[in-house]
Amino acid sequence: MSPARPEGRVVWLTGLSGAGKSTLANALYAELLTRGEAVELLDGDAVRENLSKGLGFSKADRDTNVRRIGFVA
């Protein structure tokens, strides 16, 4: 009997601005689509604009942003 396949996965890329996270995420997204996987891409800038609008970059605001992204993911 083969092990059960997980129902979902999250790949969360973190790093400094300009490090290539979006480039890598877009490439991974395209590859997973070609393999027939159901994929959603949550871009950090889009999330900040639509889900976390009004939050700054204080420790508390960043923590709130991470909690919101984690919930959506």
N, C-alpha and C. Protein backbone atom coordinates (compact mmCIF):
# COMPACT_ATOMS: atom_id res chain seq x y z
N MET A 1 0.84 -1.17 0.00
CA MET A 1 0.00 0.00 0.00
C MET A 1 0.89 1.24 0.00
N SER A 2 0.64 2.16 -0.91
CA SER A 2 1.45 3.37 -0.97
C SER A 2 0.92 4.40 0.03
N PRO A 3 1.81 5.27 0.51
CA PRO A 3 1.38 6.28 1.49
C PRO A 3 0.39 7.25 0.86
N ALA A 4 -0.50 7.78 1.69
CA ALA A 4 -1.50 8.75 1.21
C ALA A 4 -0.80 10.02 0.74
N ARG A 5 -1.29 10.56 -0.35
CA ARG A 5 -0.74 11.81 -0.88
C ARG A 5 -1.32 12.98 -0.09
N PRO A 6 -0.49 13.93 0.33
CA PRO A 6 -1.01 15.10 1.06
C PRO A 6 -2.03 15.84 0.20
N GLU A 7 -3.01 16.43 0.85
CA GLU A 7 -4.04 17.16 0.13
C GLU A 7 -3.54 18.51 -0.37
N GLY A 8 -2.54 19.05 0.24
CA GLY A 8 -2.03 20.35 -0.18
C GLY A 8 -0.64 20.60 0.35
N ARG A 9 0.00 21.55 -0.24
CA ARG A 9 1.35 21.93 0.16
C ARG A 9 1.48 23.44 0.05
N VAL A 10 2.38 23.99 0.82
CA VAL A 10 2.70 25.41 0.73
C VAL A 10 4.20 25.54 0.56
N VAL A 11 4.60 26.31 -0.43
CA VAL A 11 6.01 26.67 -0.60
C VAL A 11 6.07 28.16 -0.34
N TRP A 12 6.79 28.56 0.69
CA TRP A 12 6.84 29.96 1.10
C TRP A 12 8.27 30.44 0.89
N LEU A 13 8.46 31.35 -0.04
CA LEU A 13 9.79 31.88 -0.33
C LEU A 13 9.99 33.18 0.43
N THR A 14 11.10 33.27 1.13
CA THR A 14 11.41 34.48 1.88
C THR A 14 12.80 34.95 1.47
N GLY A 15 13.04 36.22 1.66
CA GLY A 15 14.35 36.77 1.35
C GLY A 15 14.28 38.26 1.16
N LEU A 16 15.43 38.82 0.93
CA LEU A 16 15.53 40.26 0.75
C LEU A 16 14.89 40.71 -0.56
N SER A 17 14.53 41.98 -0.60
CA SER A 17 13.99 42.58 -1.82
C SER A 17 15.00 42.43 -2.95
N GLY A 18 14.53 42.02 -4.11
CA GLY A 18 15.41 41.87 -5.26
C GLY A 18 16.19 40.58 -5.30
N ALA A 19 15.90 39.65 -4.38
CA ALA A 19 16.65 38.39 -4.30
C ALA A 19 16.21 37.37 -5.35
N GLY A 20 15.08 37.61 -6.01
CA GLY A 20 14.63 36.69 -7.04
C GLY A 20 13.47 35.80 -6.62
N LYS A 21 12.82 36.13 -5.51
CA LYS A 21 11.71 35.31 -5.02
C LYS A 21 10.58 35.23 -6.04
N SER A 22 10.18 36.35 -6.60
CA SER A 22 9.07 36.35 -7.57
C SER A 22 9.45 35.60 -8.84
N THR A 23 10.69 35.76 -9.29
CA THR A 23 11.15 35.05 -10.48
C THR A 23 11.10 33.55 -10.25
N LEU A 24 11.61 33.11 -9.12
CA LEU A 24 11.59 31.69 -8.78
C LEU A 24 10.16 31.18 -8.60
N ALA A 25 9.33 31.96 -7.92
CA ALA A 25 7.94 31.56 -7.69
C ALA A 25 7.19 31.41 -9.01
N ASN A 26 7.40 32.33 -9.93
CA ASN A 26 6.73 32.25 -11.22
C ASN A 26 7.19 31.03 -12.03
N ALA A 27 8.46 30.72 -11.96
CA ALA A 27 8.98 29.54 -12.66
C ALA A 27 8.41 28.26 -12.04
N LEU A 28 8.36 28.20 -10.72
CA LEU A 28 7.81 27.04 -10.04
C LEU A 28 6.32 26.90 -10.35
N TYR A 29 5.61 28.00 -10.35
CA TYR A 29 4.19 28.01 -10.67
C TYR A 29 3.95 27.43 -12.07
N ALA A 30 4.72 27.91 -13.04
CA ALA A 30 4.57 27.43 -14.42
C ALA A 30 4.88 25.94 -14.52
N GLU A 31 5.92 25.50 -13.85
CA GLU A 31 6.30 24.08 -13.89
C GLU A 31 5.21 23.20 -13.28
N LEU A 32 4.68 23.61 -12.15
CA LEU A 32 3.64 22.82 -11.50
C LEU A 32 2.38 22.77 -12.35
N LEU A 33 2.06 23.86 -13.03
CA LEU A 33 0.91 23.85 -13.94
C LEU A 33 1.12 22.86 -15.07
N THR A 34 2.33 22.81 -15.62
CA THR A 34 2.60 21.87 -16.71
C THR A 34 2.48 20.42 -16.24
N ARG A 35 2.67 20.19 -14.96
CA ARG A 35 2.54 18.85 -14.39
C ARG A 35 1.10 18.52 -14.00
N GLY A 36 0.19 19.47 -14.25
CA GLY A 36 -1.21 19.25 -13.96
C GLY A 36 -1.61 19.48 -12.51
N GLU A 37 -0.77 20.14 -11.76
CA GLU A 37 -1.08 20.42 -10.36
C GLU A 37 -2.01 21.63 -10.26
N ALA A 38 -2.86 21.64 -9.25
CA ALA A 38 -3.67 22.81 -8.93
C ALA A 38 -2.78 23.76 -8.12
N VAL A 39 -2.59 24.97 -8.62
CA VAL A 39 -1.62 25.89 -8.03
C VAL A 39 -2.23 27.26 -7.83
N GLU A 40 -1.91 27.88 -6.72
CA GLU A 40 -2.24 29.28 -6.47
C GLU A 40 -0.94 29.98 -6.13
N LEU A 41 -0.79 31.19 -6.62
CA LEU A 41 0.41 31.99 -6.35
C LEU A 41 -0.01 33.23 -5.58
N LEU A 42 0.53 33.40 -4.38
CA LEU A 42 0.26 34.58 -3.58
C LEU A 42 1.49 35.47 -3.63
N ASP A 43 1.42 36.52 -4.42
CA ASP A 43 2.54 37.45 -4.53
C ASP A 43 2.52 38.41 -3.34
N GLY A 44 3.66 38.60 -2.73
CA GLY A 44 3.75 39.44 -1.54
C GLY A 44 3.26 40.86 -1.75
N ASP A 45 3.59 41.47 -2.88
CA ASP A 45 3.14 42.84 -3.16
C ASP A 45 1.63 42.89 -3.31
N ALA A 46 1.05 41.92 -4.00
CA ALA A 46 -0.40 41.89 -4.18
C ALA A 46 -1.11 41.64 -2.85
N VAL A 47 -0.53 40.79 -2.02
CA VAL A 47 -1.12 40.53 -0.71
C VAL A 47 -1.10 41.79 0.13
N ARG A 48 0.02 42.50 0.14
CA ARG A 48 0.10 43.73 0.92
C ARG A 48 -0.90 44.76 0.43
N GLU A 49 -1.11 44.82 -0.87
CA GLU A 49 -2.04 45.80 -1.45
C GLU A 49 -3.49 45.45 -1.15
N ASN A 50 -3.83 44.17 -1.16
CA ASN A 50 -5.23 43.76 -1.06
C ASN A 50 -5.64 43.15 0.27
N LEU A 51 -4.76 42.45 0.92
CA LEU A 51 -5.11 41.75 2.15
C LEU A 51 -4.59 42.48 3.39
N SER A 52 -3.47 43.14 3.23
CA SER A 52 -2.82 43.76 4.38
C SER A 52 -2.62 45.27 4.18
N LYS A 53 -3.50 45.87 3.40
CA LYS A 53 -3.39 47.30 3.13
C LYS A 53 -3.40 48.07 4.45
N GLY A 54 -2.54 49.03 4.54
CA GLY A 54 -2.47 49.85 5.75
C GLY A 54 -1.44 49.37 6.75
N LEU A 55 -0.94 48.16 6.58
CA LEU A 55 0.10 47.68 7.49
C LEU A 55 1.45 48.24 7.05
N GLY A 56 2.26 48.55 8.01
CA GLY A 56 3.60 49.03 7.72
C GLY A 56 4.60 47.89 7.82
N PHE A 57 5.81 48.24 8.23
CA PHE A 57 6.87 47.24 8.31
C PHE A 57 7.43 47.12 9.72
N SER A 58 6.64 47.56 10.72
CA SER A 58 7.04 47.35 12.11
C SER A 58 6.98 45.84 12.38
N LYS A 59 7.59 45.41 13.45
CA LYS A 59 7.57 43.99 13.81
C LYS A 59 6.13 43.49 13.95
N ALA A 60 5.29 44.27 14.63
CA ALA A 60 3.89 43.87 14.84
C ALA A 60 3.14 43.78 13.51
N ASP A 61 3.35 44.75 12.62
CA ASP A 61 2.67 44.73 11.32
C ASP A 61 3.15 43.58 10.46
N ARG A 62 4.46 43.31 10.48
CA ARG A 62 4.98 42.17 9.71
C ARG A 62 4.42 40.86 10.23
N ASP A 63 4.32 40.74 11.56
CA ASP A 63 3.75 39.53 12.15
C ASP A 63 2.29 39.35 11.73
N THR A 64 1.54 40.44 11.72
CA THR A 64 0.14 40.39 11.27
C THR A 64 0.06 39.97 9.82
N ASN A 65 0.92 40.53 8.99
CA ASN A 65 0.95 40.18 7.56
C ASN A 65 1.24 38.68 7.38
N VAL A 66 2.20 38.17 8.10
CA VAL A 66 2.55 36.74 8.01
C VAL A 66 1.38 35.86 8.47
N ARG A 67 0.70 36.24 9.55
CA ARG A 67 -0.47 35.48 10.01
C ARG A 67 -1.56 35.46 8.94
N ARG A 68 -1.79 36.58 8.31
CA ARG A 68 -2.82 36.65 7.27
C ARG A 68 -2.46 35.79 6.07
N ILE A 69 -1.23 35.86 5.64
CA ILE A 69 -0.80 35.03 4.50
C ILE A 69 -0.89 33.55 4.86
N GLY A 70 -0.46 33.20 6.06
CA GLY A 70 -0.55 31.82 6.51
C GLY A 70 -1.98 31.32 6.53
N PHE A 71 -2.91 32.16 6.96
CA PHE A 71 -4.32 31.77 6.98
C PHE A 71 -4.82 31.51 5.56
N VAL A 72 -4.51 32.40 4.64
CA VAL A 72 -4.97 32.25 3.26
C VAL A 72 -4.33 31.01 2.62
N ALA A 73 -3.04 30.83 2.87
CA ALA A 73 -2.35 29.68 2.29
C ALA A 73 -2.93 28.39 2.82
